[in-house]
Amino acid sequence: MRLFTLIAVVALTLGLAGGPALGVDFSDDEMKSLKSGKVVRQKLPASGKGGFYGGSGFAVVNAPVEVVWRAIQDFGAYTTMFPNTTEATELSRKGVRSMVRFRLGHPLVNLLYHVELTREPEKKILSFRLIKSMPNDIESIRGYWRLFPQKDGRTLIAYVVAVEVPMSLVQLAGPDLERRSFNALLGIPGDVRRWVEGPRGKKYSK
């Protein structure tokens, strides 16, 4: 199954392909986790095979949707918002699109890649895809954020991602680092929640 198809599968599970409604089928335990402030991770069945990793992560943030929307576009804060992100540089911006260079640092593995991010302010969607004409240490990455305002003024974050990395990197990382890295990838909504709800998140309310 190709990467685009896998992204489409995740989109359908979120109810995003056919309209604005959120159609995620959360279990009772997942609902309890969200309500208690935990991150819910849903991994695709094909994830972890042949260098492919894909799935979605969800978290509820105690902040209005506009505040969270500003936070996920604050690329300059990514190096402190997300563990192991050592660079997030916006190289250019034109209209709703931005080109951003990312570096992920770890004692064993360091990754460089470039993505194009596209904003859809009305839907609160921030999508991203690899710019293959730029230097990259991964083979592909594609996905999106989508924010859903809740009746109580909070925000549900949905983060969907599919990434392909060379098998040489998978073998270098080993199974333990591979597992922890993927767990951290789907846990990104929790990083945003901690950032926005913390003292440094106050600037997005202004």
N, C-alpha and C. Protein backbone atom coordinates (compact mmCIF):
# COMPACT_ATOMS: atom_id res chain seq x y z
N MET A 1 0.86 -1.20 0.00
CA MET A 1 0.00 0.00 0.00
C MET A 1 0.89 1.24 0.00
N ARG A 2 0.61 2.14 -0.94
CA ARG A 2 1.47 3.31 -1.07
C ARG A 2 1.15 4.34 -0.01
N LEU A 3 2.10 5.29 0.17
CA LEU A 3 1.98 6.29 1.23
C LEU A 3 0.71 7.11 1.08
N PHE A 4 0.37 7.54 -0.15
CA PHE A 4 -0.80 8.38 -0.34
C PHE A 4 -2.06 7.64 0.10
N THR A 5 -2.13 6.35 -0.24
CA THR A 5 -3.30 5.56 0.14
C THR A 5 -3.41 5.45 1.65
N LEU A 6 -2.27 5.28 2.32
CA LEU A 6 -2.28 5.17 3.77
C LEU A 6 -2.76 6.47 4.41
N ILE A 7 -2.34 7.59 3.88
CA ILE A 7 -2.82 8.88 4.38
C ILE A 7 -4.32 8.99 4.18
N ALA A 8 -4.82 8.53 3.02
CA ALA A 8 -6.25 8.59 2.77
C ALA A 8 -7.02 7.74 3.76
N VAL A 9 -6.48 6.58 4.10
CA VAL A 9 -7.12 5.70 5.08
C VAL A 9 -7.25 6.41 6.42
N VAL A 10 -6.17 7.06 6.86
CA VAL A 10 -6.22 7.78 8.13
C VAL A 10 -7.22 8.92 8.04
N ALA A 11 -7.25 9.63 6.93
CA ALA A 11 -8.19 10.74 6.76
C ALA A 11 -9.62 10.26 6.90
N LEU A 12 -9.91 9.11 6.34
CA LEU A 12 -11.26 8.58 6.43
C LEU A 12 -11.61 8.21 7.86
N THR A 13 -10.65 7.68 8.59
CA THR A 13 -10.93 7.32 9.98
C THR A 13 -11.23 8.55 10.80
N LEU A 14 -10.71 9.69 10.39
CA LEU A 14 -10.98 10.93 11.11
C LEU A 14 -12.25 11.62 10.64
N GLY A 15 -12.83 11.11 9.56
CA GLY A 15 -14.02 11.76 9.04
C GLY A 15 -13.70 13.06 8.33
N LEU A 16 -12.45 13.23 7.86
CA LEU A 16 -12.06 14.49 7.24
C LEU A 16 -12.22 14.46 5.73
N ALA A 17 -12.26 13.28 5.14
CA ALA A 17 -12.30 13.21 3.69
C ALA A 17 -13.66 13.61 3.13
N GLY A 18 -14.73 13.42 3.91
CA GLY A 18 -16.05 13.69 3.40
C GLY A 18 -16.72 14.92 3.98
N GLY A 19 -16.08 15.62 4.89
CA GLY A 19 -16.73 16.79 5.46
C GLY A 19 -16.08 17.20 6.75
N PRO A 20 -16.61 18.24 7.39
CA PRO A 20 -15.96 18.81 8.56
C PRO A 20 -16.21 18.06 9.85
N ALA A 21 -17.11 17.11 9.87
CA ALA A 21 -17.44 16.44 11.13
C ALA A 21 -16.31 15.52 11.56
N LEU A 22 -16.13 15.40 12.86
CA LEU A 22 -15.12 14.50 13.40
C LEU A 22 -15.76 13.14 13.62
N GLY A 23 -15.26 12.12 12.91
CA GLY A 23 -15.85 10.80 12.99
C GLY A 23 -14.94 9.77 13.59
N VAL A 24 -14.06 10.16 14.48
CA VAL A 24 -13.13 9.21 15.08
C VAL A 24 -13.91 8.28 16.00
N ASP A 25 -13.61 7.01 15.88
CA ASP A 25 -14.29 6.02 16.71
C ASP A 25 -13.42 5.72 17.93
N PHE A 26 -13.60 6.51 18.99
CA PHE A 26 -12.84 6.31 20.21
C PHE A 26 -13.50 5.23 21.07
N SER A 27 -12.68 4.38 21.64
CA SER A 27 -13.20 3.40 22.60
C SER A 27 -13.49 4.10 23.93
N ASP A 28 -14.16 3.40 24.82
CA ASP A 28 -14.46 3.97 26.13
C ASP A 28 -13.17 4.33 26.87
N ASP A 29 -12.17 3.46 26.78
CA ASP A 29 -10.89 3.72 27.45
C ASP A 29 -10.19 4.93 26.83
N GLU A 30 -10.28 5.07 25.51
CA GLU A 30 -9.66 6.22 24.86
C GLU A 30 -10.37 7.52 25.25
N MET A 31 -11.68 7.47 25.36
CA MET A 31 -12.43 8.65 25.79
C MET A 31 -12.02 9.05 27.21
N LYS A 32 -11.86 8.05 28.07
CA LYS A 32 -11.44 8.33 29.44
C LYS A 32 -10.05 8.95 29.46
N SER A 33 -9.17 8.45 28.59
CA SER A 33 -7.81 8.98 28.51
C SER A 33 -7.82 10.44 28.07
N LEU A 34 -8.61 10.74 27.05
CA LEU A 34 -8.69 12.13 26.58
C LEU A 34 -9.23 13.05 27.67
N LYS A 35 -10.26 12.61 28.35
CA LYS A 35 -10.87 13.44 29.39
C LYS A 35 -9.93 13.67 30.57
N SER A 36 -9.03 12.71 30.79
CA SER A 36 -8.09 12.83 31.91
C SER A 36 -6.79 13.54 31.52
N GLY A 37 -6.73 14.02 30.28
CA GLY A 37 -5.56 14.78 29.85
C GLY A 37 -4.45 13.96 29.23
N LYS A 38 -4.74 12.71 28.88
CA LYS A 38 -3.73 11.86 28.26
C LYS A 38 -3.83 11.92 26.73
N VAL A 39 -2.77 11.44 26.08
CA VAL A 39 -2.74 11.37 24.62
C VAL A 39 -3.25 10.01 24.17
N VAL A 40 -4.10 10.02 23.16
CA VAL A 40 -4.57 8.78 22.54
C VAL A 40 -3.80 8.57 21.25
N ARG A 41 -3.19 7.41 21.10
CA ARG A 41 -2.42 7.06 19.91
C ARG A 41 -3.11 5.93 19.17
N GLN A 42 -3.26 6.09 17.86
CA GLN A 42 -3.84 5.05 17.02
C GLN A 42 -2.87 4.75 15.89
N LYS A 43 -2.29 3.57 15.92
CA LYS A 43 -1.27 3.19 14.94
C LYS A 43 -1.89 2.45 13.77
N LEU A 44 -1.41 2.75 12.57
CA LEU A 44 -1.87 2.01 11.39
C LEU A 44 -1.32 0.58 11.42
N PRO A 45 -2.09 -0.40 10.93
CA PRO A 45 -1.64 -1.79 10.95
C PRO A 45 -0.31 -2.03 10.24
N ALA A 46 -0.04 -1.27 9.17
CA ALA A 46 1.19 -1.46 8.41
C ALA A 46 2.40 -0.76 9.03
N SER A 47 2.17 -0.01 10.08
CA SER A 47 3.25 0.77 10.69
C SER A 47 4.32 -0.15 11.27
N GLY A 48 5.59 0.24 11.06
CA GLY A 48 6.70 -0.55 11.58
C GLY A 48 7.22 -1.58 10.61
N LYS A 49 6.70 -1.59 9.39
CA LYS A 49 7.12 -2.56 8.38
C LYS A 49 7.86 -1.86 7.24
N GLY A 50 9.06 -2.30 6.97
CA GLY A 50 9.81 -1.78 5.84
C GLY A 50 10.15 -0.31 5.91
N GLY A 51 10.31 0.23 7.12
CA GLY A 51 10.66 1.63 7.27
C GLY A 51 9.48 2.58 7.23
N PHE A 52 8.25 2.04 7.19
CA PHE A 52 7.05 2.89 7.20
C PHE A 52 6.48 2.99 8.62
N TYR A 53 6.09 4.22 8.99
CA TYR A 53 5.47 4.47 10.28
C TYR A 53 4.31 5.43 10.07
N GLY A 54 3.13 5.05 10.53
CA GLY A 54 1.97 5.91 10.33
C GLY A 54 0.93 5.73 11.41
N GLY A 55 0.20 6.79 11.66
CA GLY A 55 -0.86 6.72 12.65
C GLY A 55 -1.36 8.10 12.99
N SER A 56 -2.05 8.20 14.11
CA SER A 56 -2.62 9.47 14.53
C SER A 56 -2.55 9.60 16.04
N GLY A 57 -2.47 10.84 16.50
CA GLY A 57 -2.45 11.13 17.92
C GLY A 57 -3.48 12.20 18.24
N PHE A 58 -4.08 12.11 19.42
CA PHE A 58 -5.13 13.04 19.82
C PHE A 58 -4.91 13.51 21.25
N ALA A 59 -5.25 14.76 21.50
CA ALA A 59 -5.21 15.30 22.86
C ALA A 59 -6.16 16.47 22.95
N VAL A 60 -6.68 16.69 24.15
CA VAL A 60 -7.55 17.83 24.41
C VAL A 60 -6.74 18.89 25.15
N VAL A 61 -6.79 20.12 24.66
CA VAL A 61 -6.04 21.22 25.23
C VAL A 61 -7.00 22.18 25.93
N ASN A 62 -6.64 22.62 27.10
CA ASN A 62 -7.46 23.58 27.84
C ASN A 62 -7.20 25.00 27.33
N ALA A 63 -7.57 25.21 26.08
CA ALA A 63 -7.39 26.53 25.45
C ALA A 63 -8.30 26.59 24.23
N PRO A 64 -8.75 27.80 23.85
CA PRO A 64 -9.58 27.95 22.66
C PRO A 64 -8.83 27.56 21.39
N VAL A 65 -9.58 27.24 20.36
CA VAL A 65 -8.98 26.75 19.12
C VAL A 65 -8.04 27.79 18.49
N GLU A 66 -8.37 29.07 18.58
CA GLU A 66 -7.52 30.10 17.96
C GLU A 66 -6.16 30.16 18.65
N VAL A 67 -6.13 29.91 19.94
CA VAL A 67 -4.87 29.91 20.67
C VAL A 67 -3.99 28.74 20.22
N VAL A 68 -4.58 27.56 20.11
CA VAL A 68 -3.82 26.38 19.67
C VAL A 68 -3.39 26.54 18.22
N TRP A 69 -4.22 27.16 17.41
CA TRP A 69 -3.90 27.40 16.00
C TRP A 69 -2.64 28.28 15.87
N ARG A 70 -2.55 29.29 16.70
CA ARG A 70 -1.35 30.14 16.67
C ARG A 70 -0.12 29.35 17.13
N ALA A 71 -0.30 28.50 18.12
CA ALA A 71 0.84 27.76 18.67
C ALA A 71 1.45 26.81 17.66
N ILE A 72 0.63 26.06 16.92
CA ILE A 72 1.20 25.07 16.00
C ILE A 72 1.84 25.72 14.79
N GLN A 73 1.61 27.03 14.59
CA GLN A 73 2.27 27.75 13.51
C GLN A 73 3.50 28.51 13.99
N ASP A 74 3.81 28.40 15.27
CA ASP A 74 4.97 29.09 15.83
C ASP A 74 6.21 28.21 15.65
N PHE A 75 6.70 28.14 14.42
CA PHE A 75 7.79 27.22 14.09
C PHE A 75 9.05 27.51 14.90
N GLY A 76 9.27 28.76 15.23
CA GLY A 76 10.44 29.12 16.00
C GLY A 76 10.46 28.53 17.39
N ALA A 77 9.28 28.13 17.89
CA ALA A 77 9.19 27.54 19.23
C ALA A 77 9.29 26.02 19.21
N TYR A 78 9.35 25.43 18.03
CA TYR A 78 9.34 23.97 17.93
C TYR A 78 10.52 23.31 18.66
N THR A 79 11.65 23.99 18.70
CA THR A 79 12.82 23.38 19.32
C THR A 79 12.69 23.24 20.83
N THR A 80 11.81 24.03 21.42
CA THR A 80 11.53 23.88 22.85
C THR A 80 10.19 23.19 23.10
N MET A 81 9.31 23.26 22.13
CA MET A 81 8.00 22.62 22.27
C MET A 81 8.11 21.10 22.13
N PHE A 82 8.97 20.64 21.21
CA PHE A 82 9.06 19.22 20.89
C PHE A 82 10.45 18.67 21.23
N PRO A 83 10.53 17.65 22.05
CA PRO A 83 11.83 17.04 22.40
C PRO A 83 12.54 16.53 21.14
N ASN A 84 13.85 16.67 21.13
CA ASN A 84 14.73 16.18 20.05
C ASN A 84 14.63 16.99 18.76
N THR A 85 13.81 18.05 18.71
CA THR A 85 13.81 18.93 17.56
C THR A 85 14.87 20.00 17.79
N THR A 86 15.93 19.95 16.99
CA THR A 86 17.05 20.87 17.19
C THR A 86 17.01 22.07 16.23
N GLU A 87 16.19 21.97 15.19
CA GLU A 87 16.03 23.11 14.27
C GLU A 87 14.65 23.07 13.64
N ALA A 88 14.03 24.22 13.54
CA ALA A 88 12.78 24.40 12.79
C ALA A 88 12.84 25.81 12.22
N THR A 89 13.37 25.93 11.01
CA THR A 89 13.62 27.24 10.40
C THR A 89 12.67 27.45 9.23
N GLU A 90 11.88 28.51 9.31
CA GLU A 90 11.00 28.85 8.19
C GLU A 90 11.85 29.56 7.13
N LEU A 91 12.09 28.88 6.03
CA LEU A 91 12.96 29.39 4.98
C LEU A 91 12.24 30.38 4.06
N SER A 92 10.95 30.17 3.88
CA SER A 92 10.18 31.09 3.03
C SER A 92 8.70 30.95 3.35
N ARG A 93 7.96 31.99 3.01
CA ARG A 93 6.50 31.99 3.20
C ARG A 93 5.87 32.75 2.05
N LYS A 94 4.84 32.14 1.46
CA LYS A 94 4.11 32.79 0.39
C LYS A 94 2.64 32.43 0.54
N GLY A 95 1.84 33.40 0.90
CA GLY A 95 0.42 33.15 1.11
C GLY A 95 0.21 32.18 2.26
N VAL A 96 -0.48 31.08 1.97
CA VAL A 96 -0.80 30.09 3.01
C VAL A 96 0.27 29.01 3.12
N ARG A 97 1.34 29.12 2.34
CA ARG A 97 2.37 28.08 2.32
C ARG A 97 3.68 28.55 2.94
N SER A 98 4.33 27.64 3.65
CA SER A 98 5.65 27.90 4.23
C SER A 98 6.57 26.73 3.92
N MET A 99 7.85 27.06 3.69
CA MET A 99 8.88 26.03 3.56
C MET A 99 9.69 26.04 4.86
N VAL A 100 9.78 24.88 5.52
CA VAL A 100 10.45 24.81 6.81
C VAL A 100 11.49 23.69 6.79
N ARG A 101 12.67 24.00 7.32
CA ARG A 101 13.73 22.99 7.47
C ARG A 101 13.73 22.48 8.90
N PHE A 102 13.72 21.17 9.05
CA PHE A 102 13.72 20.54 10.36
C PHE A 102 14.98 19.71 10.55
N ARG A 103 15.47 19.71 11.78
CA ARG A 103 16.52 18.78 12.19
C ARG A 103 16.08 18.11 13.49
N LEU A 104 16.21 16.80 13.52
CA LEU A 104 15.93 16.04 14.73
C LEU A 104 17.24 15.47 15.23
N GLY A 105 17.55 15.71 16.49
CA GLY A 105 18.84 15.28 17.02
C GLY A 105 18.69 14.21 18.08
N HIS A 106 19.55 13.20 17.99
CA HIS A 106 19.63 12.11 18.96
C HIS A 106 21.06 11.63 18.95
N PRO A 107 21.56 11.12 20.09
CA PRO A 107 22.95 10.64 20.12
C PRO A 107 23.29 9.62 19.02
N LEU A 108 22.31 8.81 18.60
CA LEU A 108 22.58 7.82 17.57
C LEU A 108 22.19 8.27 16.17
N VAL A 109 21.08 9.00 16.06
CA VAL A 109 20.54 9.34 14.75
C VAL A 109 20.20 10.83 14.70
N ASN A 110 20.65 11.49 13.62
CA ASN A 110 20.29 12.88 13.35
C ASN A 110 19.65 12.95 11.98
N LEU A 111 18.51 13.63 11.89
CA LEU A 111 17.78 13.69 10.63
C LEU A 111 17.55 15.12 10.20
N LEU A 112 17.74 15.36 8.90
CA LEU A 112 17.44 16.64 8.27
C LEU A 112 16.36 16.41 7.22
N TYR A 113 15.36 17.29 7.19
CA TYR A 113 14.37 17.20 6.11
C TYR A 113 13.66 18.54 5.94
N HIS A 114 13.05 18.72 4.77
CA HIS A 114 12.37 19.96 4.42
C HIS A 114 10.92 19.65 4.08
N VAL A 115 10.00 20.45 4.61
CA VAL A 115 8.59 20.24 4.32
C VAL A 115 7.93 21.54 3.86
N GLU A 116 6.87 21.37 3.09
CA GLU A 116 5.98 22.48 2.76
C GLU A 116 4.75 22.33 3.63
N LEU A 117 4.41 23.39 4.35
CA LEU A 117 3.22 23.41 5.18
C LEU A 117 2.18 24.32 4.56
N THR A 118 0.94 23.86 4.54
CA THR A 118 -0.16 24.62 3.95
C THR A 118 -1.25 24.85 4.98
N ARG A 119 -1.65 26.11 5.15
CA ARG A 119 -2.66 26.46 6.13
C ARG A 119 -4.04 26.53 5.50
N GLU A 120 -5.02 26.02 6.21
CA GLU A 120 -6.43 26.21 5.86
C GLU A 120 -7.10 26.80 7.10
N PRO A 121 -7.04 28.11 7.27
CA PRO A 121 -7.50 28.75 8.51
C PRO A 121 -8.96 28.47 8.85
N GLU A 122 -9.83 28.42 7.84
CA GLU A 122 -11.25 28.22 8.11
C GLU A 122 -11.51 26.85 8.73
N LYS A 123 -10.79 25.84 8.26
CA LYS A 123 -10.96 24.48 8.77
C LYS A 123 -9.99 24.15 9.91
N LYS A 124 -9.07 25.07 10.17
CA LYS A 124 -8.02 24.85 11.18
C LYS A 124 -7.23 23.57 10.86
N ILE A 125 -6.80 23.49 9.59
CA ILE A 125 -5.96 22.39 9.12
C ILE A 125 -4.60 22.94 8.74
N LEU A 126 -3.56 22.31 9.21
CA LEU A 126 -2.19 22.62 8.83
C LEU A 126 -1.58 21.33 8.29
N SER A 127 -1.47 21.24 6.97
CA SER A 127 -0.96 20.02 6.34
C SER A 127 0.51 20.19 5.98
N PHE A 128 1.20 19.07 5.84
CA PHE A 128 2.62 19.12 5.52
C PHE A 128 3.01 17.94 4.63
N ARG A 129 4.03 18.18 3.82
CA ARG A 129 4.56 17.12 2.95
C ARG A 129 6.02 17.39 2.68
N LEU A 130 6.75 16.33 2.41
CA LEU A 130 8.18 16.45 2.14
C LEU A 130 8.42 17.16 0.81
N ILE A 131 9.42 18.05 0.78
CA ILE A 131 9.86 18.68 -0.46
C ILE A 131 11.02 17.82 -1.00
N LYS A 132 10.74 17.00 -1.96
CA LYS A 132 11.71 16.00 -2.41
C LYS A 132 12.87 16.59 -3.19
N SER A 133 12.72 17.83 -3.64
CA SER A 133 13.82 18.47 -4.38
C SER A 133 14.88 19.06 -3.44
N MET A 134 14.62 19.03 -2.13
CA MET A 134 15.55 19.56 -1.14
C MET A 134 16.30 18.40 -0.47
N PRO A 135 17.44 18.68 0.19
CA PRO A 135 18.17 17.62 0.89
C PRO A 135 17.33 17.04 2.04
N ASN A 136 17.22 15.72 2.09
CA ASN A 136 16.43 15.05 3.12
C ASN A 136 17.09 13.73 3.52
N ASP A 137 16.98 13.42 4.81
CA ASP A 137 17.48 12.15 5.30
C ASP A 137 16.38 11.11 5.45
N ILE A 138 15.15 11.48 5.12
CA ILE A 138 14.04 10.54 5.13
C ILE A 138 13.47 10.45 3.71
N GLU A 139 12.73 9.39 3.45
CA GLU A 139 12.23 9.17 2.10
C GLU A 139 10.91 9.88 1.84
N SER A 140 10.10 10.02 2.87
CA SER A 140 8.83 10.70 2.69
C SER A 140 8.21 11.03 4.04
N ILE A 141 7.47 12.11 4.09
CA ILE A 141 6.63 12.42 5.25
C ILE A 141 5.45 13.23 4.74
N ARG A 142 4.30 12.91 5.28
CA ARG A 142 3.09 13.60 4.86
C ARG A 142 2.07 13.48 5.98
N GLY A 143 1.26 14.52 6.14
CA GLY A 143 0.24 14.45 7.18
C GLY A 143 -0.39 15.80 7.42
N TYR A 144 -1.06 15.93 8.56
CA TYR A 144 -1.71 17.20 8.87
C TYR A 144 -2.10 17.24 10.35
N TRP A 145 -2.28 18.47 10.80
CA TRP A 145 -2.94 18.78 12.06
C TRP A 145 -4.37 19.19 11.71
N ARG A 146 -5.32 18.86 12.59
CA ARG A 146 -6.63 19.48 12.51
C ARG A 146 -7.13 19.74 13.92
N LEU A 147 -7.68 20.94 14.12
CA LEU A 147 -8.14 21.37 15.43
C LEU A 147 -9.66 21.44 15.45
N PHE A 148 -10.25 20.90 16.52
CA PHE A 148 -11.69 20.88 16.66
C PHE A 148 -12.10 21.60 17.94
N PRO A 149 -12.82 22.73 17.82
CA PRO A 149 -13.29 23.43 19.03
C PRO A 149 -14.33 22.59 19.76
N GLN A 150 -14.25 22.57 21.07
CA GLN A 150 -15.20 21.83 21.90
C GLN A 150 -16.19 22.80 22.55
N LYS A 151 -17.33 22.27 22.95
CA LYS A 151 -18.39 23.11 23.51
C LYS A 151 -17.96 23.84 24.78
N ASP A 152 -17.00 23.22 25.51
CA ASP A 152 -16.57 23.85 26.77
C ASP A 152 -15.43 24.84 26.58
N GLY A 153 -15.10 25.16 25.32
CA GLY A 153 -14.05 26.13 25.05
C GLY A 153 -12.68 25.53 24.88
N ARG A 154 -12.55 24.22 25.07
CA ARG A 154 -11.27 23.56 24.87
C ARG A 154 -11.12 23.16 23.40
N THR A 155 -9.98 22.55 23.07
CA THR A 155 -9.68 22.17 21.69
C THR A 155 -9.20 20.73 21.62
N LEU A 156 -9.77 19.97 20.70
CA LEU A 156 -9.27 18.63 20.42
C LEU A 156 -8.29 18.72 19.27
N ILE A 157 -7.05 18.24 19.50
CA ILE A 157 -6.03 18.19 18.45
C ILE A 157 -6.03 16.80 17.83
N ALA A 158 -6.10 16.77 16.50
CA ALA A 158 -5.88 15.52 15.75
C ALA A 158 -4.61 15.71 14.93
N TYR A 159 -3.66 14.80 15.10
CA TYR A 159 -2.39 14.87 14.38
C TYR A 159 -2.21 13.56 13.63
N VAL A 160 -2.14 13.63 12.31
CA VAL A 160 -2.05 12.46 11.44
C VAL A 160 -0.73 12.52 10.69
N VAL A 161 0.00 11.42 10.68
CA VAL A 161 1.32 11.44 10.03
C VAL A 161 1.65 10.07 9.45
N ALA A 162 2.33 10.10 8.32
CA ALA A 162 2.89 8.90 7.71
C ALA A 162 4.30 9.25 7.24
N VAL A 163 5.27 8.46 7.63
CA VAL A 163 6.67 8.74 7.30
C VAL A 163 7.37 7.47 6.86
N GLU A 164 8.26 7.61 5.90
CA GLU A 164 9.08 6.50 5.44
C GLU A 164 10.55 6.87 5.63
N VAL A 165 11.30 6.00 6.28
CA VAL A 165 12.73 6.25 6.51
C VAL A 165 13.54 5.10 5.93
N PRO A 166 14.78 5.36 5.54
CA PRO A 166 15.62 4.29 4.99
C PRO A 166 15.83 3.18 6.02
N MET A 167 15.86 1.95 5.54
CA MET A 167 16.05 0.81 6.44
C MET A 167 17.39 0.87 7.15
N SER A 168 18.37 1.54 6.54
CA SER A 168 19.67 1.67 7.20
C SER A 168 19.54 2.44 8.52
N LEU A 169 18.65 3.45 8.55
CA LEU A 169 18.42 4.20 9.77
C LEU A 169 17.65 3.37 10.79
N VAL A 170 16.70 2.58 10.31
CA VAL A 170 15.94 1.71 11.21
C VAL A 170 16.87 0.72 11.90
N GLN A 171 17.78 0.15 11.14
CA GLN A 171 18.72 -0.83 11.69
C GLN A 171 19.71 -0.17 12.65
N LEU A 172 20.11 1.05 12.34
CA LEU A 172 21.03 1.77 13.22
C LEU A 172 20.36 2.11 14.54
N ALA A 173 19.10 2.51 14.48
CA ALA A 173 18.38 2.91 15.69
C ALA A 173 18.15 1.73 16.63
N GLY A 174 17.82 0.58 16.07
CA GLY A 174 17.51 -0.58 16.91
C GLY A 174 16.05 -0.55 17.36
N PRO A 175 15.52 -1.68 17.80
CA PRO A 175 14.08 -1.77 18.12
C PRO A 175 13.62 -0.88 19.26
N ASP A 176 14.46 -0.68 20.29
CA ASP A 176 14.02 0.13 21.42
C ASP A 176 13.88 1.60 21.04
N LEU A 177 14.88 2.16 20.36
CA LEU A 177 14.81 3.56 19.94
C LEU A 177 13.72 3.73 18.89
N GLU A 178 13.57 2.74 18.02
CA GLU A 178 12.51 2.79 17.01
C GLU A 178 11.14 2.90 17.67
N ARG A 179 10.90 2.08 18.68
CA ARG A 179 9.61 2.10 19.38
C ARG A 179 9.39 3.43 20.09
N ARG A 180 10.42 3.91 20.81
CA ARG A 180 10.28 5.15 21.56
C ARG A 180 10.09 6.35 20.64
N SER A 181 10.77 6.34 19.50
CA SER A 181 10.67 7.46 18.56
C SER A 181 9.27 7.53 17.96
N PHE A 182 8.71 6.38 17.61
CA PHE A 182 7.37 6.39 17.02
C PHE A 182 6.33 6.77 18.07
N ASN A 183 6.52 6.31 19.28
CA ASN A 183 5.62 6.68 20.37
C ASN A 183 5.64 8.19 20.59
N ALA A 184 6.85 8.77 20.52
CA ALA A 184 6.98 10.23 20.67
C ALA A 184 6.34 10.97 19.50
N LEU A 185 6.45 10.41 18.30
CA LEU A 185 5.86 11.04 17.11
C LEU A 185 4.35 11.18 17.25
N LEU A 186 3.68 10.11 17.66
CA LEU A 186 2.23 10.16 17.83
C LEU A 186 1.84 10.90 19.10
N GLY A 187 2.81 11.16 19.97
CA GLY A 187 2.53 11.89 21.20
C GLY A 187 2.68 13.39 21.07
N ILE A 188 2.93 13.88 19.86
CA ILE A 188 3.13 15.31 19.62
C ILE A 188 1.97 16.17 20.11
N PRO A 189 0.70 15.74 19.97
CA PRO A 189 -0.38 16.57 20.52
C PRO A 189 -0.24 16.84 22.02
N GLY A 190 0.32 15.88 22.75
CA GLY A 190 0.55 16.08 24.18
C GLY A 190 1.62 17.12 24.44
N ASP A 191 2.63 17.17 23.57
CA ASP A 191 3.67 18.21 23.70
C ASP A 191 3.05 19.60 23.51
N VAL A 192 2.16 19.70 22.53
CA VAL A 192 1.48 20.98 22.29
C VAL A 192 0.63 21.37 23.49
N ARG A 193 -0.08 20.38 24.04
CA ARG A 193 -0.92 20.68 25.20
C ARG A 193 -0.09 21.22 26.36
N ARG A 194 1.02 20.57 26.66
CA ARG A 194 1.87 21.03 27.77
C ARG A 194 2.41 22.44 27.49
N TRP A 195 2.78 22.70 26.25
CA TRP A 195 3.33 24.00 25.89
C TRP A 195 2.28 25.11 26.01
N VAL A 196 1.10 24.86 25.45
CA VAL A 196 0.06 25.88 25.45
C VAL A 196 -0.46 26.13 26.86
N GLU A 197 -0.60 25.08 27.65
CA GLU A 197 -1.13 25.23 29.01
C GLU A 197 -0.07 25.74 30.00
N GLY A 198 1.19 25.73 29.58
CA GLY A 198 2.27 26.21 30.44
C GLY A 198 2.45 27.72 30.35
N PRO A 199 3.40 28.25 31.08
CA PRO A 199 3.59 29.71 31.12
C PRO A 199 3.95 30.33 29.78
N ARG A 200 4.66 29.57 28.92
CA ARG A 200 5.06 30.13 27.64
C ARG A 200 3.92 30.12 26.62
N GLY A 201 2.80 29.50 26.97
CA GLY A 201 1.67 29.50 26.07
C GLY A 201 0.80 30.74 26.18
N LYS A 202 1.09 31.57 27.16
CA LYS A 202 0.26 32.77 27.38
C LYS A 202 0.33 33.74 26.22
N LYS A 203 1.46 33.75 25.50
CA LYS A 203 1.60 34.73 24.41
C LYS A 203 0.61 34.50 23.28
N TYR A 204 0.09 33.28 23.15
CA TYR A 204 -0.85 33.00 22.06
C TYR A 204 -2.26 33.51 22.36
N SER A 205 -2.49 33.91 23.59
CA SER A 205 -3.82 34.42 23.98
C SER A 205 -3.94 35.91 23.75
N LYS A 206 -2.84 36.57 23.42
CA LYS A 206 -2.84 38.02 23.26
C LYS A 206 -3.39 38.41 21.89
